[in-house]
C-alpha cells in the first residue's frame, strides 16, 4: 500500500493490491473516515462509495459512482474502519485477488468539508442544508431513487441560483435546467429546483 495524506483537508489517497479475502488498508487520517471511495485500477469493476452517514460504525451501504442506482446493502465492501485503517470485504470491486485499486478516504473538516443527508420536498423553496460554511462545490445523489449524481460549484456560477451542473456518472457536457439549481448560502446550500 502507498498512502498520501492531507490531514488538514481530511483526505487520504491509498493505492493497494487486493488479496481476495479480508484485508486492511492504512489511511493515515488519525480519525475514522466518514466515507471511503474505491476505484479499480486494473479491471473495469464499479467505482464505489461507502456509506457516509455521520457517526456510523458499520459501512453497510454502497453507491456506484458511475451509475444512477440506489444505495445497495453490502457486507463485502468496506466492512469496518478505525482511526488508522479501513477493512475490506471480499467484493471483487474492492478486493479482487492481485487486482489494483485506489481508495480515497475522507473525514469532515470544520469549515472545509461536510457529508450528510437531507430530505427534499419537490418545491422551488427547497430544504436548507447546513454545512457551517459557504461550500465551493456541492455533490448530490438521491439515495432512494435511480437519479444522476449532480455537481454544482461556485467557480462556474458566481451568483445565485447556481444553474450549471455536471453529471459525473454520465458522459454529458455541462448542462442547465430550471428544475435543477441551488443557492449557495453563507453556511450551507438550498435546492431551488423541483427535480
Protein backbone atom coordinates (compact mmCIF):
# COMPACT_ATOMS: atom_id res chain seq x y z
CA UNK A 1 0.00 0.00 0.00
CA UNK A 2 1.09 3.53 -0.78
CA UNK A 3 -0.76 6.33 1.00
CA UNK A 4 -0.76 10.10 0.57
CA UNK A 5 -2.45 12.06 3.36
CA UNK A 6 -3.53 15.66 3.93
CA UNK A 7 -4.90 15.72 7.46
CA UNK A 8 -5.65 19.45 7.19
CA UNK A 9 -8.06 18.79 4.32
CA UNK A 10 -9.17 15.40 5.71
CA UNK A 11 -8.26 13.49 2.54
CA UNK A 12 -6.26 10.30 2.17
CA UNK A 13 -5.39 8.55 -1.11
CA UNK A 14 -4.13 4.97 -0.99
CA UNK A 15 -3.20 2.52 -3.71
CA UNK A 16 -3.21 -1.19 -2.90
CA UNK A 17 -3.36 -4.67 -4.37
CA UNK A 18 -6.34 -6.83 -3.43
CA UNK A 19 -5.98 -10.09 -1.56
CA UNK A 20 -9.37 -11.68 -2.35
CA UNK A 21 -10.19 -12.03 1.34
CA UNK A 22 -10.46 -9.69 4.32
CA UNK A 23 -7.67 -7.11 4.27
CA UNK A 24 -6.93 -3.76 5.88
CA UNK A 25 -5.63 -0.59 4.26
CA UNK A 26 -3.97 2.22 6.21
CA UNK A 27 -5.34 5.72 5.62
CA UNK A 28 -3.24 7.90 7.97
CA UNK A 29 -6.04 10.36 8.83
CA UNK A 30 -5.87 9.81 12.59
CA UNK A 31 -9.68 9.61 12.85
CA UNK A 32 -12.26 7.21 11.43
CA UNK A 33 -13.18 8.11 7.81
CA UNK A 34 -16.63 9.48 7.12
CA UNK A 35 -16.64 7.85 3.69
CA UNK A 36 -14.33 5.71 1.57
CA UNK A 37 -14.43 5.72 -2.24
CA UNK A 38 -12.71 2.90 -4.12
CA UNK A 39 -11.74 2.85 -7.79
CA UNK A 40 -10.43 -0.30 -9.55
CA UNK A 41 -7.23 0.43 -11.48
CA UNK A 42 -6.54 -2.87 -13.24
CA UNK A 43 -10.07 -4.07 -14.04
CA UNK A 44 -13.31 -2.45 -15.11
CA UNK A 45 -15.38 -3.01 -11.99
CA UNK A 46 -17.64 -0.46 -10.31
CA UNK A 47 -16.37 2.72 -8.68
CA UNK A 48 -17.86 2.59 -5.19
CA UNK A 49 -18.57 4.93 -2.30
CA UNK A 50 -19.29 3.55 1.14
CA UNK A 51 -21.96 4.87 3.47
CA UNK A 52 -21.21 8.37 4.78
CA UNK A 53 -23.82 8.88 7.46
CA UNK A 54 -22.06 10.73 10.26
CA UNK A 55 -21.11 8.63 13.24
CA UNK A 56 -21.69 5.21 11.71
CA UNK A 57 -19.64 2.26 12.88
CA UNK A 58 -20.66 -0.22 10.16
CA UNK A 59 -20.21 0.60 6.47
CA UNK A 60 -23.29 -1.26 5.30
CA UNK A 61 -24.29 0.59 2.12
CA UNK A 62 -22.58 1.38 -1.14
CA UNK A 63 -23.25 3.62 -4.12
CA UNK A 64 -21.91 3.09 -7.63
CA UNK A 65 -20.39 6.43 -8.58
CA UNK A 66 -20.73 5.81 -12.32
CA UNK A 67 -24.40 4.70 -12.18
CA UNK A 68 -27.77 6.11 -11.16
CA UNK A 69 -28.52 3.08 -8.97
CA UNK A 70 -29.92 3.50 -5.47
CA UNK A 71 -27.75 2.66 -2.46
CA UNK A 72 -27.26 -1.08 -2.04
CA UNK A 73 -26.67 -3.11 1.06
CA UNK A 74 -23.17 -4.63 1.10
CA UNK A 75 -21.29 -6.84 3.51
CA UNK A 76 -18.39 -7.33 1.09
CA UNK A 77 -17.33 -3.72 0.50
CA UNK A 78 -15.79 -1.65 3.31
CA UNK A 79 -16.75 -3.63 6.38
CA UNK A 80 -15.20 -1.52 9.16
CA UNK A 81 -12.91 1.43 9.81
CA UNK A 82 -10.82 2.85 12.61
CA UNK A 83 -8.58 5.86 13.14
CA UNK A 84 -5.75 4.09 11.29
CA UNK A 85 -7.24 1.59 8.79
CA UNK A 86 -10.33 0.50 6.91
CA UNK A 87 -11.20 -3.15 6.41
CA UNK A 88 -12.18 -4.66 3.06
CA UNK A 89 -14.58 -7.49 2.40
CA UNK A 90 -14.36 -9.97 -0.47
CA UNK A 91 -16.27 -7.99 -3.14
CA UNK A 92 -14.21 -8.02 -6.37
CA UNK A 93 -14.95 -4.28 -6.77
CA UNK A 94 -12.76 -3.52 -3.72
CA UNK A 95 -10.57 -6.57 -3.03
CA UNK A 96 -10.12 -8.90 -6.00
CA UNK A 97 -7.05 -11.10 -5.69
CA UNK A 98 -3.98 -9.47 -7.34
CA UNK A 99 -6.08 -6.57 -8.70
CA UNK A 100 -5.02 -2.98 -8.07
CA UNK A 101 -7.16 -0.21 -6.58
CA UNK A 102 -7.12 3.43 -5.49
CA UNK A 103 -9.00 4.34 -2.31
CA UNK A 104 -9.99 7.84 -1.26
CA UNK A 105 -10.86 8.23 2.44
CA UNK A 106 -12.47 11.45 3.68
CA UNK A 107 -13.26 12.94 7.07
CA UNK A 108 -15.25 16.07 7.74
CA UNK A 109 -13.13 19.15 8.42
CA UNK A 110 -14.92 22.09 10.04
CA UNK A 111 -15.09 24.95 7.56
CA UNK A 112 -13.84 22.81 4.67
CA UNK A 113 -15.97 19.69 4.08
CA UNK A 114 -19.32 18.28 5.14
CA UNK A 115 -21.02 14.95 4.38
CA UNK A 116 -24.65 14.33 5.21
CA UNK A 117 -28.23 13.85 4.15
CA UNK A 118 -31.34 15.97 3.78
CA UNK A 119 -34.91 15.25 2.76
CA UNK A 120 -36.21 17.11 -0.27
CA UNK A 121 -39.82 18.13 -0.77
CA UNK A 122 -40.00 18.87 -4.50
CA UNK A 123 -40.60 22.63 -4.21
CA UNK A 124 -38.61 25.58 -5.55
CA UNK A 125 -38.04 26.77 -1.96
CA UNK A 126 -36.09 23.63 -1.14
CA UNK A 127 -34.78 22.12 2.05
CA UNK A 128 -31.98 24.11 3.67
CA UNK A 129 -28.81 22.01 4.09
CA UNK A 130 -26.45 23.25 6.81
CA UNK A 131 -22.70 22.97 6.22
CA UNK A 132 -21.32 25.56 8.63
CA UNK A 133 -19.53 27.39 5.80
CA UNK A 134 -20.13 28.50 2.21
CA UNK A 135 -19.44 25.44 0.06
CA UNK A 136 -17.43 25.82 -3.13
CA UNK A 137 -18.84 22.58 -4.56
CA UNK A 138 -21.92 20.50 -3.76
CA UNK A 139 -22.37 16.92 -4.95
CA UNK A 140 -25.85 15.40 -4.54
CA UNK A 141 -27.23 11.87 -5.05
CA UNK A 142 -30.77 10.71 -4.31
CA UNK A 143 -30.35 7.62 -2.15
CA UNK A 144 -33.79 6.12 -2.69
CA UNK A 145 -34.33 6.54 -6.44
CA UNK A 146 -32.33 5.97 -9.61
CA UNK A 147 -31.24 9.55 -10.28
CA UNK A 148 -28.00 11.04 -11.59
CA UNK A 149 -25.23 12.25 -9.33
CA UNK A 150 -25.13 16.04 -9.76
CA UNK A 151 -22.40 18.59 -9.03
CA UNK A 152 -22.79 22.36 -8.65
CA UNK A 153 -19.91 24.73 -7.96
CA UNK A 154 -19.28 28.42 -7.34
CA UNK A 155 -16.46 28.67 -9.88
CA UNK A 156 -18.84 28.49 -12.83
CA UNK A 157 -21.82 30.14 -11.11
CA UNK A 158 -20.73 33.21 -9.17
CA UNK A 159 -24.29 34.29 -8.27
CA UNK A 160 -27.49 32.53 -7.16
CA UNK A 161 -29.13 30.42 -8.24
CA UNK A 162 -26.34 28.16 -9.49
CA UNK A 163 -27.73 26.52 -12.62
CA UNK A 164 -24.70 24.99 -14.38
CA UNK A 165 -24.14 21.41 -13.32
CA UNK A 166 -22.20 18.28 -14.18
CA UNK A 167 -23.34 14.66 -14.06
CA UNK A 168 -20.27 12.65 -13.03
CA UNK A 169 -21.96 9.32 -13.79
CA UNK A 170 -22.70 10.37 -17.40
CA UNK A 171 -20.70 11.49 -20.42
CA UNK A 172 -22.84 14.64 -20.84
CA UNK A 173 -21.26 18.05 -21.10
CA UNK A 174 -22.14 20.81 -18.64
CA UNK A 175 -25.90 21.40 -18.58
CA UNK A 176 -28.57 23.68 -17.11
CA UNK A 177 -32.17 23.02 -16.16
CA UNK A 178 -34.85 25.11 -14.49
CA UNK A 179 -35.63 22.06 -12.32
CA UNK A 180 -32.02 21.58 -11.16
CA UNK A 181 -30.44 24.54 -9.40
CA UNK A 182 -29.28 25.55 -5.94
CA UNK A 183 -28.46 28.65 -3.90
CA UNK A 184 -25.03 28.77 -2.24
CA UNK A 185 -25.52 30.31 1.21
CA UNK A 186 -23.13 31.66 3.86
CA UNK A 187 -23.48 28.45 5.90
CA UNK A 188 -24.85 25.84 3.52
CA UNK A 189 -26.99 25.48 0.41
CA UNK A 190 -30.62 25.29 -0.64
CA UNK A 191 -32.05 23.43 -3.66
CA UNK A 192 -34.13 25.78 -5.84
CA UNK A 193 -35.34 23.30 -8.44
CA UNK A 194 -38.11 20.74 -8.20
CA UNK A 195 -36.16 17.74 -9.55
